[in-house]
C-alpha atoms as a PDB file:
ATOM      1  CA  MET A   1     -12.639 -14.740  -1.987  1.00  0.00           C
ATOM      2  CA  THR A   2     -13.382 -11.726  -5.077  1.00  0.00           C
ATOM      3  CA  TYR A   3     -11.198  -8.737  -4.647  1.00  0.00           C
ATOM      4  CA  LYS A   4     -13.110  -5.452  -5.241  1.00  0.00           C
ATOM      5  CA  ILE A   5     -11.268  -3.394  -7.543  1.00  0.00           C
ATOM      6  CA  ALA A   6     -12.046   0.345  -8.072  1.00  0.00           C
ATOM      7  CA  VAL A   7     -10.955   1.705 -11.266  1.00  0.00           C
ATOM      8  CA  VAL A   8     -10.309   5.399 -11.753  1.00  0.00           C
ATOM      9  CA  GLU A   9      -9.219   6.042 -15.700  1.00  0.00           C
ATOM     10  CA  ASP A  10     -10.806   9.335 -17.436  1.00  0.00           C
ATOM     11  CA  GLU A  11     -10.040   7.565 -20.898  1.00  0.00           C
ATOM     12  CA  LEU A  12     -13.233   5.742 -21.062  1.00  0.00           C
ATOM     13  CA  MET A  13     -11.740   3.083 -23.313  1.00  0.00           C
ATOM     14  CA  MET A  14      -8.856   2.393 -21.225  1.00  0.00           C
ATOM     15  CA  ASN A  15     -11.067   2.392 -18.426  1.00  0.00           C
ATOM     16  CA  HIS A  16     -13.780  -0.231 -19.835  1.00  0.00           C
ATOM     17  CA  LEU A  17     -10.636  -2.593 -21.211  1.00  0.00           C
ATOM     18  CA  ILE A  18      -9.230  -2.468 -17.561  1.00  0.00           C
ATOM     19  CA  CYS A  19     -12.421  -3.371 -16.444  1.00  0.00           C
ATOM     20  CA  PHE A  20     -13.176  -6.094 -18.848  1.00  0.00           C
ATOM     21  CA  VAL A  21      -9.594  -7.965 -17.993  1.00  0.00           C
ATOM     22  CA  LEU A  22     -10.038  -7.846 -14.534  1.00  0.00           C
ATOM     23  CA  ASN A  23     -13.213  -8.801 -14.563  1.00  0.00           C
ATOM     24  CA  ASN A  24     -12.901 -12.034 -16.200  1.00  0.00           C
ATOM     25  CA  ALA A  25      -9.268 -12.554 -14.330  1.00  0.00           C
ATOM     26  CA  GLY A  26     -12.232 -13.273 -11.441  1.00  0.00           C
ATOM     27  CA  PHE A  27     -11.967  -9.703  -9.888  1.00  0.00           C
ATOM     28  CA  GLN A  28     -14.853  -7.322  -9.163  1.00  0.00           C
ATOM     29  CA  THR A  29     -14.475  -3.407  -9.872  1.00  0.00           C
ATOM     30  CA  VAL A  30     -16.228  -0.760 -10.083  1.00  0.00           C
ATOM     31  CA  SER A  31     -15.422   2.079 -12.846  1.00  0.00           C
ATOM     32  CA  TYR A  32     -15.141   5.474 -12.187  1.00  0.00           C
ATOM     33  CA  PRO A  33     -14.357   8.004 -14.884  1.00  0.00           C
ATOM     34  CA  SER A  34     -13.104  11.266 -12.913  1.00  0.00           C
ATOM     35  CA  LYS A  35     -11.490  11.873  -9.666  1.00  0.00           C
ATOM     36  CA  ARG A  36     -15.089  13.696  -8.350  1.00  0.00           C
ATOM     37  CA  MET A  37     -17.056  10.486  -9.022  1.00  0.00           C
ATOM     38  CA  ALA A  38     -14.023   8.571  -7.084  1.00  0.00           C
ATOM     39  CA  GLU A  39     -14.605  11.083  -4.327  1.00  0.00           C
ATOM     40  CA  GLN A  40     -18.051   9.470  -3.831  1.00  0.00           C
ATOM     41  CA  GLY A  41     -16.856   6.284  -3.406  1.00  0.00           C
ATOM     42  CA  LEU A  42     -14.108   6.772  -0.645  1.00  0.00           C
ATOM     43  CA  SER A  43     -16.718   5.207   2.085  1.00  0.00           C
ATOM     44  CA  GLN A  44     -16.842   1.876  -0.008  1.00  0.00           C
ATOM     45  CA  HIS A  45     -14.293  -0.940   0.936  1.00  0.00           C
ATOM     46  CA  PHE A  46     -12.111  -1.988  -1.948  1.00  0.00           C
ATOM     47  CA  ASP A  47      -8.760  -4.158  -1.898  1.00  0.00           C
ATOM     48  CA  LEU A  48      -7.076  -2.159  -4.327  1.00  0.00           C
ATOM     49  CA  TRP A  49      -7.559   1.455  -5.920  1.00  0.00           C
ATOM     50  CA  LEU A  50      -6.084   1.559  -9.202  1.00  0.00           C
ATOM     51  CA  LEU A  51      -5.619   5.495 -10.151  1.00  0.00           C
ATOM     52  CA  ASP A  52      -4.205   6.796 -13.429  1.00  0.00           C
ATOM     53  CA  ILE A  53      -2.238  10.091 -12.444  1.00  0.00           C
ATOM     54  CA  MET A  54      -3.081  12.710 -14.526  1.00  0.00           C
ATOM     55  CA  LEU A  55      -6.900  12.592 -14.718  1.00  0.00           C
ATOM     56  CA  GLU A  56      -8.292  16.278 -14.384  1.00  0.00           C
ATOM     57  CA  SER A  57      -5.049  17.617 -13.957  1.00  0.00           C
ATOM     58  CA  PRO A  58      -1.477  16.272 -13.721  1.00  0.00           C
ATOM     59  CA  THR A  59      -1.295  15.921 -10.135  1.00  0.00           C
ATOM     60  CA  ALA A  60      -5.023  14.453  -9.432  1.00  0.00           C
ATOM     61  CA  GLY A  61      -4.456  11.239  -8.955  1.00  0.00           C
ATOM     62  CA  PHE A  62      -1.710  11.746  -5.858  1.00  0.00           C
ATOM     63  CA  ASP A  63      -4.667  14.393  -4.500  1.00  0.00           C
ATOM     64  CA  LEU A  64      -7.028  11.461  -5.224  1.00  0.00           C
ATOM     65  CA  MET A  65      -4.381   9.215  -3.191  1.00  0.00           C
ATOM     66  CA  LYS A  66      -4.241  11.652   0.025  1.00  0.00           C
ATOM     67  CA  ALA A  67      -7.915  11.484   0.605  1.00  0.00           C
ATOM     68  CA  ILE A  68      -8.035   7.645   0.101  1.00  0.00           C
ATOM     69  CA  ARG A  69      -5.303   7.446   2.666  1.00  0.00           C
ATOM     70  CA  GLU A  70      -7.014   9.859   5.182  1.00  0.00           C
ATOM     71  CA  LYS A  71     -10.511   8.043   4.816  1.00  0.00           C
ATOM     72  CA  ASN A  72      -8.934   4.019   4.555  1.00  0.00           C
ATOM     73  CA  PRO A  73      -5.345   4.121   5.371  1.00  0.00           C
ATOM     74  CA  ASN A  74      -5.073   0.496   4.503  1.00  0.00           C
ATOM     75  CA  GLN A  75      -6.497  -0.279   1.011  1.00  0.00           C
ATOM     76  CA  ALA A  76      -3.753  -0.710  -1.670  1.00  0.00           C
ATOM     77  CA  ILE A  77      -3.081   1.550  -4.176  1.00  0.00           C
ATOM     78  CA  CYS A  78      -1.708   1.394  -7.637  1.00  0.00           C
ATOM     79  CA  PHE A  79      -0.844   4.315 -10.010  1.00  0.00           C
ATOM     80  CA  LEU A  80      -1.516   3.654 -13.717  1.00  0.00           C
ATOM     81  CA  SER A  81      -0.263   6.664 -16.240  1.00  0.00           C
ATOM     82  CA  ALA A  82       1.400   7.062 -19.380  1.00  0.00           C
ATOM     83  CA  ARG A  83       3.985   9.085 -18.270  1.00  0.00           C
ATOM     84  CA  ASP A  84       7.430   7.078 -17.976  1.00  0.00           C
ATOM     85  CA  ASP A  85       8.631   9.821 -15.530  1.00  0.00           C
ATOM     86  CA  GLU A  86      11.168   8.571 -12.804  1.00  0.00           C
ATOM     87  CA  LEU A  87      10.082  11.483 -10.683  1.00  0.00           C
ATOM     88  CA  ASP A  88       6.648  10.638 -10.867  1.00  0.00           C
ATOM     89  CA  LYS A  89       7.660   6.655 -10.121  1.00  0.00           C
ATOM     90  CA  ILE A  90       9.417   8.171  -7.199  1.00  0.00           C
ATOM     91  CA  THR A  91       7.189  10.846  -6.030  1.00  0.00           C
ATOM     92  CA  GLY A  92       4.140   7.752  -5.993  1.00  0.00           C
ATOM     93  CA  LEU A  93       5.858   5.464  -4.148  1.00  0.00           C
ATOM     94  CA  GLU A  94       7.393   7.787  -1.374  1.00  0.00           C
ATOM     95  CA  ILE A  95       3.615   9.067  -0.849  1.00  0.00           C
ATOM     96  CA  GLY A  96       2.864   5.692   0.064  1.00  0.00           C
ATOM     97  CA  CYS A  97       1.512   3.609  -3.078  1.00  0.00           C
ATOM     98  CA  ASP A  98       2.331   0.025  -3.876  1.00  0.00           C
ATOM     99  CA  ASP A  99       3.065   0.005  -7.041  1.00  0.00           C
ATOM    100  CA  TYR A 100       2.903   2.048 -10.599  1.00  0.00           C
ATOM    101  CA  ILE A 101       2.338   0.502 -13.812  1.00  0.00           C
ATOM    102  CA  THR A 102       3.252   1.890 -16.930  1.00  0.00           C
ATOM    103  CA  LYS A 103       1.238   2.400 -20.055  1.00  0.00           C
ATOM    104  CA  PRO A 104       1.375   0.685 -22.173  1.00  0.00           C
ATOM    105  CA  PHE A 105       1.099  -2.608 -20.592  1.00  0.00           C
ATOM    106  CA  SER A 106      -0.124  -6.099 -21.330  1.00  0.00           C
ATOM    107  CA  LYS A 107      -3.418  -7.479 -20.374  1.00  0.00           C
ATOM    108  CA  LYS A 108      -1.385 -10.244 -18.955  1.00  0.00           C
ATOM    109  CA  GLU A 109       1.221  -7.864 -17.297  1.00  0.00           C
ATOM    110  CA  LEU A 110      -1.860  -6.177 -15.347  1.00  0.00           C
ATOM    111  CA  VAL A 111      -3.621  -8.949 -14.155  1.00  0.00           C
ATOM    112  CA  LEU A 112      -0.124 -10.305 -12.538  1.00  0.00           C
ATOM    113  CA  ARG A 113       0.757  -6.833 -11.453  1.00  0.00           C
ATOM    114  CA  ILE A 114      -2.568  -6.488  -9.755  1.00  0.00           C
ATOM    115  CA  THR A 115      -2.431 -10.265  -8.162  1.00  0.00           C
ATOM    116  CA  ASN A 116       1.028  -9.486  -6.482  1.00  0.00           C
ATOM    117  CA  ILE A 117      -0.085  -6.542  -4.600  1.00  0.00           C
ATOM    118  CA  LEU A 118      -3.397  -8.050  -3.340  1.00  0.00           C
ATOM    119  CA  ARG A 119      -1.076 -11.242  -1.898  1.00  0.00           C
ATOM    120  CA  ARG A 120       0.935  -8.530  -0.276  1.00  0.00           C
ATOM    121  CA  THR A 121      -1.258  -6.167   1.136  1.00  0.00           C
ATOM    122  CA  ALA A 122      -4.665  -7.502   1.048  1.00  0.00           C
ATOM    123  CA  CYS A 123      -6.565  -8.673   4.314  1.00  0.00           C
ATOM    124  CA  PRO A 124      -6.331 -12.839   4.051  1.00  0.00           C
ATOM    125  CA  PRO A 125     -10.355 -14.257   3.888  1.00  0.00           C
ATOM    126  CA  PRO A 126     -11.758 -15.088   7.208  1.00  0.00           C
ATOM    127  CA  VAL A 127     -11.888 -18.593   8.419  1.00  0.00           C
ATOM    128  CA  LYS A 128     -12.908 -20.353  11.529  1.00  0.00           C
ATOM    129  CA  MET A 129     -10.254 -20.136  13.953  1.00  0.00           C
ATOM    130  CA  SER A 130      -9.127 -17.449  16.344  1.00  0.00           C
ATOM    131  CA  PRO A 131      -6.656 -15.009  14.991  1.00  0.00           C
ATOM    132  CA  GLU A 132      -3.002 -15.382  14.749  1.00  0.00           C
ATOM    133  CA  ILE A 133      -2.153 -12.508  17.407  1.00  0.00           C
ATOM    134  CA  LEU A 134       1.661 -10.925  17.589  1.00  0.00           C
ATOM    135  CA  GLN A 135       1.863  -9.448  21.334  1.00  0.00           C
ATOM    136  CA  ARG A 136       4.732  -7.872  22.494  1.00  0.00           C
ATOM    137  CA  GLU A 137       4.606  -5.369  26.085  1.00  0.00           C
ATOM    138  CA  ARG A 138       2.628  -2.563  25.042  1.00  0.00           C
ATOM    139  CA  LEU A 139       2.226  -3.422  21.048  1.00  0.00           C
ATOM    140  CA  ARG A 140      -0.339  -6.385  19.566  1.00  0.00           C
ATOM    141  CA  ALA A 141      -0.810  -6.820  15.856  1.00  0.00           C
ATOM    142  CA  ASP A 142      -3.276  -9.432  14.307  1.00  0.00           C
ATOM    143  CA  LEU A 143      -1.562 -11.520  11.147  1.00  0.00           C
ATOM    144  CA  ARG A 144      -5.294 -11.619   9.743  1.00  0.00           C
ATOM    145  CA  SER A 145      -6.820  -8.642   9.689  1.00  0.00           C
ATOM    146  CA  ARG A 146      -3.390  -6.449   9.612  1.00  0.00           C
ATOM    147  CA  GLU A 147      -4.391  -4.521  12.431  1.00  0.00           C
ATOM    148  CA  LEU A 148      -2.440  -3.258  14.969  1.00  0.00           C
ATOM    149  CA  TRP A 149      -2.759  -1.807  18.668  1.00  0.00           C
ATOM    150  CA  PHE A 150      -0.648   0.004  20.825  1.00  0.00           C
ATOM    151  CA  ASP A 151      -1.535   0.241  24.414  1.00  0.00           C
ATOM    152  CA  ASP A 152      -4.920  -0.929  23.269  1.00  0.00           C
ATOM    153  CA  GLN A 153      -5.347   1.711  20.722  1.00  0.00           C
ATOM    154  CA  LEU A 154      -5.692   0.955  17.218  1.00  0.00           C
ATOM    155  CA  ILE A 155      -3.460   2.528  15.255  1.00  0.00           C
ATOM    156  CA  ASN A 156      -4.213   3.767  11.540  1.00  0.00           C
ATOM    157  CA  LEU A 157      -1.353   2.587   9.295  1.00  0.00           C
ATOM    158  CA  THR A 158      -0.751   1.871   5.454  1.00  0.00           C
ATOM    159  CA  ALA A 159      -0.048  -1.723   4.137  1.00  0.00           C
ATOM    160  CA  LYS A 160       3.742  -0.902   3.909  1.00  0.00           C
ATOM    161  CA  GLU A 161       3.683   0.895   7.236  1.00  0.00           C
ATOM    162  CA  PHE A 162       2.454  -2.376   8.959  1.00  0.00           C
ATOM    163  CA  ASP A 163       5.022  -4.732   6.927  1.00  0.00           C
ATOM    164  CA  LEU A 164       7.922  -2.455   8.096  1.00  0.00           C
ATOM    165  CA  ILE A 165       6.575  -2.227  11.972  1.00  0.00           C
ATOM    166  CA  LEU A 166       6.163  -6.174  12.042  1.00  0.00           C
ATOM    167  CA  MET A 167       9.626  -7.099  10.351  1.00  0.00           C
ATOM    168  CA  LEU A 168      10.976  -4.654  13.124  1.00  0.00           C
ATOM    169  CA  ILE A 169       9.242  -6.210  15.707  1.00  0.00           C
ATOM    170  CA  GLN A 170       9.793  -9.815  14.780  1.00  0.00           C
ATOM    171  CA  ASN A 171      13.285  -8.743  15.075  1.00  0.00           C
ATOM    172  CA  ASP A 172      13.283  -7.356  18.308  1.00  0.00           C
ATOM    173  CA  GLY A 173      16.615  -5.511  18.949  1.00  0.00           C
ATOM    174  CA  ARG A 174      18.627  -6.954  15.619  1.00  0.00           C
ATOM    175  CA  THR A 175      19.711  -4.112  13.309  1.00  0.00           C
ATOM    176  CA  MET A 176      17.554  -4.806   9.881  1.00  0.00           C
ATOM    177  CA  ASP A 177      19.783  -2.896   7.217  1.00  0.00           C
ATOM    178  CA  ARG A 178      18.239  -0.702   4.184  1.00  0.00           C
ATOM    179  CA  ASN A 179      18.472  -3.134   1.450  1.00  0.00           C
ATOM    180  CA  THR A 180      17.022  -6.210   3.392  1.00  0.00           C
ATOM    181  CA  ILE A 181      13.988  -3.982   4.326  1.00  0.00           C
ATOM    182  CA  LEU A 182      13.404  -2.769   0.432  1.00  0.00           C
ATOM    183  CA  ARG A 183      13.520  -6.410  -0.518  1.00  0.00           C
ATOM    184  CA  ILE A 184      11.253  -7.541   1.739  1.00  0.00           C
ATOM    185  CA  VAL A 185       8.441  -4.701   2.467  1.00  0.00           C
ATOM    186  CA  TRP A 186       8.487  -3.536  -1.133  1.00  0.00           C
ATOM    187  CA  ASP A 187       9.732  -6.854  -2.728  1.00  0.00           C
ATOM    188  CA  THR A 188      12.484  -7.397  -5.107  1.00  0.00           C
ATOM    189  CA  ASN A 189      10.647  -5.865  -8.189  1.00  0.00           C
ATOM    190  CA  TYR A 190      10.969  -2.144  -6.124  1.00  0.00           C
ATOM    191  CA  TYR A 191      11.886   0.938  -8.222  1.00  0.00           C
ATOM    192  CA  GLY A 192      12.564   4.269  -6.540  1.00  0.00           C
ATOM    193  CA  SER A 193      14.488   6.378  -4.570  1.00  0.00           C
ATOM    194  CA  GLY A 194      15.645   4.592  -0.402  1.00  0.00           C
ATOM    195  CA  ARG A 195      14.083   8.038   0.692  1.00  0.00           C
ATOM    196  CA  VAL A 196      11.236   6.130   0.609  1.00  0.00           C
ATOM    197  CA  LEU A 197      12.496   3.960   3.900  1.00  0.00           C
ATOM    198  CA  ASP A 198      13.168   7.006   5.641  1.00  0.00           C
ATOM    199  CA  ASP A 199       9.934   8.683   4.887  1.00  0.00           C
ATOM    200  CA  THR A 200       7.937   5.089   5.898  1.00  0.00           C
ATOM    201  CA  ILE A 201       9.888   5.432   9.217  1.00  0.00           C
ATOM    202  CA  ARG A 202       9.009   9.109  10.078  1.00  0.00           C
ATOM    203  CA  ARG A 203       5.380   8.270   9.649  1.00  0.00           C
ATOM    204  CA  ILE A 204       5.400   5.302  11.643  1.00  0.00           C
ATOM    205  CA  ARG A 205       7.707   7.523  14.508  1.00  0.00           C
ATOM    206  CA  LYS A 206       4.743   9.898  14.171  1.00  0.00           C
ATOM    207  CA  LYS A 207       1.884   7.707  14.490  1.00  0.00           C
ATOM    208  CA  LEU A 208       3.972   5.884  17.663  1.00  0.00           C
ATOM    209  CA  PRO A 209       6.206   8.087  19.395  1.00  0.00           C
ATOM    210  CA  ASP A 210       6.068   5.845  22.277  1.00  0.00           C
ATOM    211  CA  LEU A 211       7.781   3.037  19.894  1.00  0.00           C
ATOM    212  CA  LYS A 212      11.032   3.066  20.023  1.00  0.00           C
ATOM    213  CA  ILE A 213      12.807   3.317  16.408  1.00  0.00           C
ATOM    214  CA  GLU A 214      16.675   3.508  16.451  1.00  0.00           C
ATOM    215  CA  THR A 215      18.290   4.534  13.601  1.00  0.00           C
ATOM    216  CA  VAL A 216      21.394   2.555  13.430  1.00  0.00           C
ATOM    217  CA  TYR A 217      23.720   5.196  10.663  1.00  0.00           C
ATOM    218  CA  GLY A 218      25.569   3.473   7.753  1.00  0.00           C
ATOM    219  CA  GLU A 219      23.229   0.468   8.517  1.00  0.00           C
ATOM    220  CA  GLY A 220      19.157   0.334   8.859  1.00  0.00           C
ATOM    221  CA  TYR A 221      16.915   0.422  11.563  1.00  0.00           C
ATOM    222  CA  ARG A 222      15.761  -1.829  14.837  1.00  0.00           C
ATOM    223  CA  VAL A 223      13.005  -1.443  17.496  1.00  0.00           C
ATOM    224  CA  CYS A 224      14.268  -1.950  21.227  1.00  0.00           C
ATOM    225  CA  GLY A 225      12.584  -2.746  24.382  1.00  0.00           C
ATOM    226  CA  LEU A 226       9.292  -3.962  23.085  1.00  0.00           C
END
């Protein structure tokens, strides 16, 4: 399976270099030199969007990410920026990006980081067998297509939202502490505020108001009554 990556970078030399490196590593890339041109590609399927934050304005990357999430909630997003600012990293992670790479970076680091994101977020290739289904009363999760239904209604989820729900329902009734959730869902390389977990829980509760996610103060979260 060849993963398809959208590269949104307004510095043309950097854009060409990133595409060259990723193509040589076996990925398929589509180059967008501006936010406006990238918006024309929102209807396409990509396994990953690699977004420069600053583009036409200091927040253009954040704005583009919101548009991607509205159109394609399950596509992975990684920010790429020359700004080594903790607030930018926290903002990006808290609004749902999957990783953040700071310039300058080595070719090897770029390929490894992209590979790790795709391992965590991309749907596995189709296989000739029945999909693996996790069924819990009103909730059903397809672990291969990474889709989730509640009362037979498909729920649009980001990659992190799906991973977090999956962890909670697989541990039905058991309290999962915050550090464990961050380590497993956001992995050991997560850098940022623990607020990202609370924000993700808030988004899940909004999308699934009938799913009983309990807050265990001082500890973490649990799902009960599935």
